[in-house]
Amino acid sequence: ELIQSGTSEITFVSPSGTIRANVAGTTMASFTSSGFVVGNIINQNSNGVGTIGSPGGYFERVFATSTSALYADLAEIYEADANYDPGTVLIFHGAKDLTTTTIDHDARVAGVVSTNPAYVMNSGAPGLQLALTGRVPCRVQGPVNKGDVLVTSTTAGVAQAIDNDFWVPGCTLGKSLETIEDDSIQLIEIAVGRY
């Protein structure tokens, strides 16, 4: 058993692998034959620093009461036929999973290329992070009002406000969280989802 206090890094090597932890102040960390017990694991007292696990050494499951994230969308990795910028509206079609469209109200709409996803599914796969639900920046052509339902447009990779006369099942991308008063294309926040 190893017990360490004070601010330092603790390293414990066993047949099952290596465990490292930064321990601050009076926090006590203990390594025993039954596992690793820690009062508080910190990330060098900084935001956005430190990783638990890695792409080549990830944990099997995480059990928690709740979690939180700085960013706001749920994304999944899909292969696309080009390297599209964040905020681009994509559809399921083509030689790869994703491409753009110039068809308005396209029922094949998939989502928006994520800027900073809160959670990524299929993270080990090649491709783009596509926001499937949640808040995300998106390229939108106005005019559009806050709360308007959004669909694809005749401009590739750009959303627009829905025209209810052209609605078809599956064409909804999400809802606008901002207003564009003219017909310009702007990067604005939207809530992705099949509302």
C-alpha atoms as a PDB file:
ATOM      1  CA  GLU A   1       0.000   0.000   0.000  1.00  0.00           C
ATOM      2  CA  LEU A   2       1.242   3.495  -0.901  1.00  0.00           C
ATOM      3  CA  ILE A   3      -0.153   6.629   0.735  1.00  0.00           C
ATOM      4  CA  GLN A   4       0.974  10.049  -0.429  1.00  0.00           C
ATOM      5  CA  SER A   5      -0.039  13.553   0.646  1.00  0.00           C
ATOM      6  CA  GLY A   6       1.053  16.953  -0.578  1.00  0.00           C
ATOM      7  CA  THR A   7       1.046  18.204  -4.131  1.00  0.00           C
ATOM      8  CA  SER A   8       2.812  15.656  -6.321  1.00  0.00           C
ATOM      9  CA  GLU A   9       2.332  12.993  -8.930  1.00  0.00           C
ATOM     10  CA  ILE A  10       1.939   9.432  -7.720  1.00  0.00           C
ATOM     11  CA  THR A  11       2.874   6.546  -9.956  1.00  0.00           C
ATOM     12  CA  PHE A  12       1.953   2.971  -9.150  1.00  0.00           C
ATOM     13  CA  VAL A  13       3.062   0.139 -11.422  1.00  0.00           C
ATOM     14  CA  SER A  14       1.444  -3.273 -11.198  1.00  0.00           C
ATOM     15  CA  PRO A  15       1.034  -6.276 -13.514  1.00  0.00           C
ATOM     16  CA  SER A  16      -2.262  -4.807 -14.667  1.00  0.00           C
ATOM     17  CA  GLY A  17      -0.730  -1.478 -15.714  1.00  0.00           C
ATOM     18  CA  THR A  18       0.347   1.953 -14.506  1.00  0.00           C
ATOM     19  CA  ILE A  19      -1.794   4.415 -12.558  1.00  0.00           C
ATOM     20  CA  ARG A  20      -0.788   8.067 -12.219  1.00  0.00           C
ATOM     21  CA  ALA A  21      -2.585  10.792 -10.296  1.00  0.00           C
ATOM     22  CA  ASN A  22      -1.949  14.334  -9.186  1.00  0.00           C
ATOM     23  CA  VAL A  23      -2.863  14.743  -5.537  1.00  0.00           C
ATOM     24  CA  ALA A  24      -3.331  18.180  -3.998  1.00  0.00           C
ATOM     25  CA  GLY A  25      -3.164  19.480  -0.470  1.00  0.00           C
ATOM     26  CA  THR A  26      -4.272  17.092   2.227  1.00  0.00           C
ATOM     27  CA  THR A  27      -6.014  14.767  -0.199  1.00  0.00           C
ATOM     28  CA  MET A  28      -4.970  11.193   0.407  1.00  0.00           C
ATOM     29  CA  ALA A  29      -4.499   8.659  -2.361  1.00  0.00           C
ATOM     30  CA  SER A  30      -4.138   4.999  -1.553  1.00  0.00           C
ATOM     31  CA  PHE A  31      -3.094   2.035  -3.689  1.00  0.00           C
ATOM     32  CA  THR A  32      -4.046  -1.364  -2.298  1.00  0.00           C
ATOM     33  CA  SER A  33      -4.289  -4.905  -3.553  1.00  0.00           C
ATOM     34  CA  SER A  34      -8.004  -4.309  -4.113  1.00  0.00           C
ATOM     35  CA  GLY A  35      -7.536  -1.228  -6.270  1.00  0.00           C
ATOM     36  CA  PHE A  36      -6.961   2.505  -6.243  1.00  0.00           C
ATOM     37  CA  VAL A  37      -8.755   4.790  -3.804  1.00  0.00           C
ATOM     38  CA  VAL A  38      -8.524   8.553  -4.164  1.00  0.00           C
ATOM     39  CA  GLY A  39     -10.236  11.446  -2.474  1.00  0.00           C
ATOM     40  CA  ASN A  40      -9.718  13.917  -5.307  1.00  0.00           C
ATOM     41  CA  ILE A  41      -7.960  13.550  -8.666  1.00  0.00           C
ATOM     42  CA  ILE A  42      -7.157  16.960 -10.147  1.00  0.00           C
ATOM     43  CA  ASN A  43      -5.955  18.155 -13.540  1.00  0.00           C
ATOM     44  CA  GLN A  44      -2.994  20.329 -12.524  1.00  0.00           C
ATOM     45  CA  ASN A  45      -5.419  22.982 -11.208  1.00  0.00           C
ATOM     46  CA  SER A  46      -6.275  24.115 -14.754  1.00  0.00           C
ATOM     47  CA  ASN A  47      -9.276  23.872 -17.040  1.00  0.00           C
ATOM     48  CA  GLY A  48      -8.935  21.868 -20.237  1.00  0.00           C
ATOM     49  CA  VAL A  49      -5.845  20.032 -19.003  1.00  0.00           C
ATOM     50  CA  GLY A  50      -5.520  16.329 -18.355  1.00  0.00           C
ATOM     51  CA  THR A  51      -6.974  13.189 -19.883  1.00  0.00           C
ATOM     52  CA  ILE A  52      -8.428  10.091 -18.293  1.00  0.00           C
ATOM     53  CA  GLY A  53      -7.630   7.180 -20.581  1.00  0.00           C
ATOM     54  CA  SER A  54      -6.506   7.446 -24.210  1.00  0.00           C
ATOM     55  CA  PRO A  55      -7.548   6.227 -27.693  1.00  0.00           C
ATOM     56  CA  GLY A  56      -5.236   3.242 -27.220  1.00  0.00           C
ATOM     57  CA  GLY A  57      -5.948   2.677 -23.538  1.00  0.00           C
ATOM     58  CA  TYR A  58      -9.557   3.504 -22.767  1.00  0.00           C
ATOM     59  CA  PHE A  59     -11.698   2.292 -19.906  1.00  0.00           C
ATOM     60  CA  GLU A  60     -14.450  -0.261 -20.433  1.00  0.00           C
ATOM     61  CA  ARG A  61     -17.237   1.526 -18.548  1.00  0.00           C
ATOM     62  CA  VAL A  62     -17.718   4.635 -16.451  1.00  0.00           C
ATOM     63  CA  PHE A  63     -20.227   4.603 -13.600  1.00  0.00           C
ATOM     64  CA  ALA A  64     -21.407   8.010 -12.373  1.00  0.00           C
ATOM     65  CA  THR A  65     -24.426   9.745 -10.946  1.00  0.00           C
ATOM     66  CA  SER A  66     -24.145  12.624 -13.414  1.00  0.00           C
ATOM     67  CA  THR A  67     -21.710  14.275 -15.789  1.00  0.00           C
ATOM     68  CA  SER A  68     -21.427  17.728 -17.344  1.00  0.00           C
ATOM     69  CA  ALA A  69     -19.717  19.180 -20.405  1.00  0.00           C
ATOM     70  CA  LEU A  70     -18.534  22.603 -21.483  1.00  0.00           C
ATOM     71  CA  TYR A  71     -19.973  22.214 -24.988  1.00  0.00           C
ATOM     72  CA  ALA A  72     -23.530  21.516 -26.079  1.00  0.00           C
ATOM     73  CA  ASP A  73     -23.995  18.969 -28.861  1.00  0.00           C
ATOM     74  CA  LEU A  74     -23.998  15.214 -29.322  1.00  0.00           C
ATOM     75  CA  ALA A  75     -21.958  14.208 -32.366  1.00  0.00           C
ATOM     76  CA  GLU A  76     -21.134  11.004 -34.217  1.00  0.00           C
ATOM     77  CA  ILE A  77     -18.271  10.298 -36.608  1.00  0.00           C
ATOM     78  CA  TYR A  78     -19.250   9.749 -40.250  1.00  0.00           C
ATOM     79  CA  GLU A  79     -17.150   9.641 -43.409  1.00  0.00           C
ATOM     80  CA  ALA A  80     -17.758  12.476 -45.851  1.00  0.00           C
ATOM     81  CA  ASP A  81     -16.808  13.009 -49.487  1.00  0.00           C
ATOM     82  CA  ALA A  82     -14.819  16.143 -48.543  1.00  0.00           C
ATOM     83  CA  ASN A  83     -13.390  17.887 -45.475  1.00  0.00           C
ATOM     84  CA  TYR A  84     -16.250  20.259 -44.664  1.00  0.00           C
ATOM     85  CA  ASP A  85     -15.930  23.216 -42.305  1.00  0.00           C
ATOM     86  CA  PRO A  86     -17.749  23.278 -38.961  1.00  0.00           C
ATOM     87  CA  GLY A  87     -21.258  24.668 -39.377  1.00  0.00           C
ATOM     88  CA  THR A  88     -21.838  22.978 -42.749  1.00  0.00           C
ATOM     89  CA  VAL A  89     -25.183  21.226 -43.258  1.00  0.00           C
ATOM     90  CA  LEU A  90     -24.782  17.684 -44.627  1.00  0.00           C
ATOM     91  CA  ILE A  91     -27.036  14.897 -45.889  1.00  0.00           C
ATOM     92  CA  PHE A  92     -26.755  11.108 -46.002  1.00  0.00           C
ATOM     93  CA  HIS A  93     -25.887  10.405 -49.655  1.00  0.00           C
ATOM     94  CA  GLY A  94     -23.068   9.719 -52.102  1.00  0.00           C
ATOM     95  CA  ALA A  95     -20.023   7.454 -52.194  1.00  0.00           C
ATOM     96  CA  LYS A  96     -19.326   8.136 -48.502  1.00  0.00           C
ATOM     97  CA  ASP A  97     -21.801   8.572 -45.657  1.00  0.00           C
ATOM     98  CA  LEU A  98     -22.139  12.333 -46.049  1.00  0.00           C
ATOM     99  CA  THR A  99     -22.205  15.067 -48.666  1.00  0.00           C
ATOM    100  CA  THR A 100     -23.840  18.456 -49.274  1.00  0.00           C
ATOM    101  CA  THR A 101     -27.066  19.129 -51.152  1.00  0.00           C
ATOM    102  CA  THR A 102     -28.561  21.901 -53.271  1.00  0.00           C
ATOM    103  CA  ILE A 103     -32.094  20.568 -52.814  1.00  0.00           C
ATOM    104  CA  ASP A 104     -34.212  22.590 -50.417  1.00  0.00           C
ATOM    105  CA  HIS A 105     -36.272  20.671 -47.849  1.00  0.00           C
ATOM    106  CA  ASP A 106     -34.114  17.583 -48.518  1.00  0.00           C
ATOM    107  CA  ALA A 107     -35.402  14.662 -46.415  1.00  0.00           C
ATOM    108  CA  ARG A 108     -31.913  13.095 -46.433  1.00  0.00           C
ATOM    109  CA  VAL A 109     -30.631  15.808 -44.057  1.00  0.00           C
ATOM    110  CA  ALA A 110     -28.197  14.347 -41.515  1.00  0.00           C
ATOM    111  CA  GLY A 111     -26.957  17.180 -39.307  1.00  0.00           C
ATOM    112  CA  VAL A 112     -24.316  19.886 -38.991  1.00  0.00           C
ATOM    113  CA  VAL A 113     -20.526  19.523 -38.855  1.00  0.00           C
ATOM    114  CA  SER A 114     -19.773  20.078 -35.165  1.00  0.00           C
ATOM    115  CA  THR A 115     -17.504  22.842 -33.914  1.00  0.00           C
ATOM    116  CA  ASN A 116     -16.867  21.574 -30.367  1.00  0.00           C
ATOM    117  CA  PRO A 117     -18.951  18.512 -29.499  1.00  0.00           C
ATOM    118  CA  ALA A 118     -19.747  17.742 -25.873  1.00  0.00           C
ATOM    119  CA  TYR A 119     -19.876  14.018 -26.623  1.00  0.00           C
ATOM    120  CA  VAL A 120     -18.574  12.084 -29.633  1.00  0.00           C
ATOM    121  CA  MET A 121     -19.764   8.605 -30.631  1.00  0.00           C
ATOM    122  CA  ASN A 122     -17.572   6.273 -32.740  1.00  0.00           C
ATOM    123  CA  SER A 123     -14.624   8.461 -31.718  1.00  0.00           C
ATOM    124  CA  GLY A 124     -12.058   6.015 -33.070  1.00  0.00           C
ATOM    125  CA  ALA A 125     -13.491   5.992 -36.592  1.00  0.00           C
ATOM    126  CA  PRO A 126     -12.234   8.199 -39.443  1.00  0.00           C
ATOM    127  CA  GLY A 127     -14.412  11.074 -40.614  1.00  0.00           C
ATOM    128  CA  LEU A 128     -16.167  14.233 -39.492  1.00  0.00           C
ATOM    129  CA  GLN A 129     -17.890  14.968 -36.200  1.00  0.00           C
ATOM    130  CA  LEU A 130     -21.529  15.433 -37.176  1.00  0.00           C
ATOM    131  CA  ALA A 131     -23.812  17.120 -34.642  1.00  0.00           C
ATOM    132  CA  LEU A 132     -27.010  15.090 -34.407  1.00  0.00           C
ATOM    133  CA  THR A 133     -28.681  16.924 -31.543  1.00  0.00           C
ATOM    134  CA  GLY A 134     -28.015  19.905 -29.282  1.00  0.00           C
ATOM    135  CA  ARG A 135     -26.811  23.478 -29.726  1.00  0.00           C
ATOM    136  CA  VAL A 136     -24.293  24.096 -32.521  1.00  0.00           C
ATOM    137  CA  PRO A 137     -23.119  26.884 -34.869  1.00  0.00           C
ATOM    138  CA  CYS A 138     -24.604  26.458 -38.362  1.00  0.00           C
ATOM    139  CA  ARG A 139     -24.456  28.270 -41.691  1.00  0.00           C
ATOM    140  CA  VAL A 140     -27.921  29.724 -42.274  1.00  0.00           C
ATOM    141  CA  GLN A 141     -29.309  31.977 -44.999  1.00  0.00           C
ATOM    142  CA  GLY A 142     -31.802  34.610 -43.908  1.00  0.00           C
ATOM    143  CA  PRO A 143     -34.237  35.930 -43.419  1.00  0.00           C
ATOM    144  CA  VAL A 144     -34.857  33.745 -40.402  1.00  0.00           C
ATOM    145  CA  ASN A 145     -36.375  34.401 -36.986  1.00  0.00           C
ATOM    146  CA  LYS A 146     -35.445  32.932 -33.647  1.00  0.00           C
ATOM    147  CA  GLY A 147     -37.468  29.743 -33.234  1.00  0.00           C
ATOM    148  CA  ASP A 148     -37.967  29.116 -36.962  1.00  0.00           C
ATOM    149  CA  VAL A 149     -37.735  25.520 -38.138  1.00  0.00           C
ATOM    150  CA  LEU A 150     -34.708  25.029 -40.417  1.00  0.00           C
ATOM    151  CA  VAL A 151     -34.242  22.856 -43.510  1.00  0.00           C
ATOM    152  CA  THR A 152     -31.679  22.497 -46.292  1.00  0.00           C
ATOM    153  CA  SER A 153     -31.487  25.144 -49.007  1.00  0.00           C
ATOM    154  CA  THR A 154     -30.436  25.437 -52.649  1.00  0.00           C
ATOM    155  CA  THR A 155     -27.037  26.679 -51.418  1.00  0.00           C
ATOM    156  CA  ALA A 156     -24.803  23.706 -50.611  1.00  0.00           C
ATOM    157  CA  GLY A 157     -24.131  23.265 -46.903  1.00  0.00           C
ATOM    158  CA  VAL A 158     -26.480  26.071 -45.842  1.00  0.00           C
ATOM    159  CA  ALA A 159     -29.778  25.908 -43.949  1.00  0.00           C
ATOM    160  CA  GLN A 160     -32.831  28.146 -44.375  1.00  0.00           C
ATOM    161  CA  ALA A 161     -36.218  28.727 -42.741  1.00  0.00           C
ATOM    162  CA  ILE A 162     -38.840  26.144 -43.651  1.00  0.00           C
ATOM    163  CA  ASP A 163     -41.548  26.861 -46.205  1.00  0.00           C
ATOM    164  CA  ASN A 164     -44.461  24.818 -44.889  1.00  0.00           C
ATOM    165  CA  ASP A 165     -45.811  24.389 -48.422  1.00  0.00           C
ATOM    166  CA  PHE A 166     -42.720  22.283 -49.251  1.00  0.00           C
ATOM    167  CA  TRP A 167     -42.496  20.280 -46.011  1.00  0.00           C
ATOM    168  CA  VAL A 168     -41.828  16.557 -46.427  1.00  0.00           C
ATOM    169  CA  PRO A 169     -41.324  13.967 -43.656  1.00  0.00           C
ATOM    170  CA  GLY A 170     -37.731  13.944 -42.434  1.00  0.00           C
ATOM    171  CA  CYS A 171     -36.694  17.324 -43.848  1.00  0.00           C
ATOM    172  CA  THR A 172     -36.338  19.158 -40.509  1.00  0.00           C
ATOM    173  CA  LEU A 173     -32.791  20.028 -39.409  1.00  0.00           C
ATOM    174  CA  GLY A 174     -33.585  21.940 -36.214  1.00  0.00           C
ATOM    175  CA  LYS A 175     -34.600  25.384 -34.970  1.00  0.00           C
ATOM    176  CA  SER A 176     -32.875  28.744 -35.163  1.00  0.00           C
ATOM    177  CA  LEU A 177     -31.707  30.323 -31.922  1.00  0.00           C
ATOM    178  CA  GLU A 178     -30.951  33.651 -33.595  1.00  0.00           C
ATOM    179  CA  THR A 179     -32.422  36.088 -36.125  1.00  0.00           C
ATOM    180  CA  ILE A 180     -31.074  37.101 -39.541  1.00  0.00           C
ATOM    181  CA  GLU A 181     -33.044  40.040 -40.930  1.00  0.00           C
ATOM    182  CA  ASP A 182     -31.685  40.068 -44.497  1.00  0.00           C
ATOM    183  CA  ASP A 183     -30.857  37.338 -47.034  1.00  0.00           C
ATOM    184  CA  SER A 184     -27.202  37.007 -46.011  1.00  0.00           C
ATOM    185  CA  ILE A 185     -25.560  33.733 -45.013  1.00  0.00           C
ATOM    186  CA  GLN A 186     -24.334  33.816 -41.420  1.00  0.00           C
ATOM    187  CA  LEU A 187     -22.924  31.389 -38.903  1.00  0.00           C
ATOM    188  CA  ILE A 188     -25.508  31.340 -36.113  1.00  0.00           C
ATOM    189  CA  GLU A 189     -26.485  29.104 -33.223  1.00  0.00           C
ATOM    190  CA  ILE A 190     -29.197  26.529 -33.864  1.00  0.00           C
ATOM    191  CA  ALA A 191     -30.700  23.654 -31.918  1.00  0.00           C
ATOM    192  CA  VAL A 192     -30.228  20.532 -34.029  1.00  0.00           C
ATOM    193  CA  GLY A 193     -33.052  18.016 -33.723  1.00  0.00           C
ATOM    194  CA  ARG A 194     -36.125  16.616 -35.432  1.00  0.00           C
ATOM    195  CA  TYR A 195     -38.631  19.031 -33.908  1.00  0.00           C
END
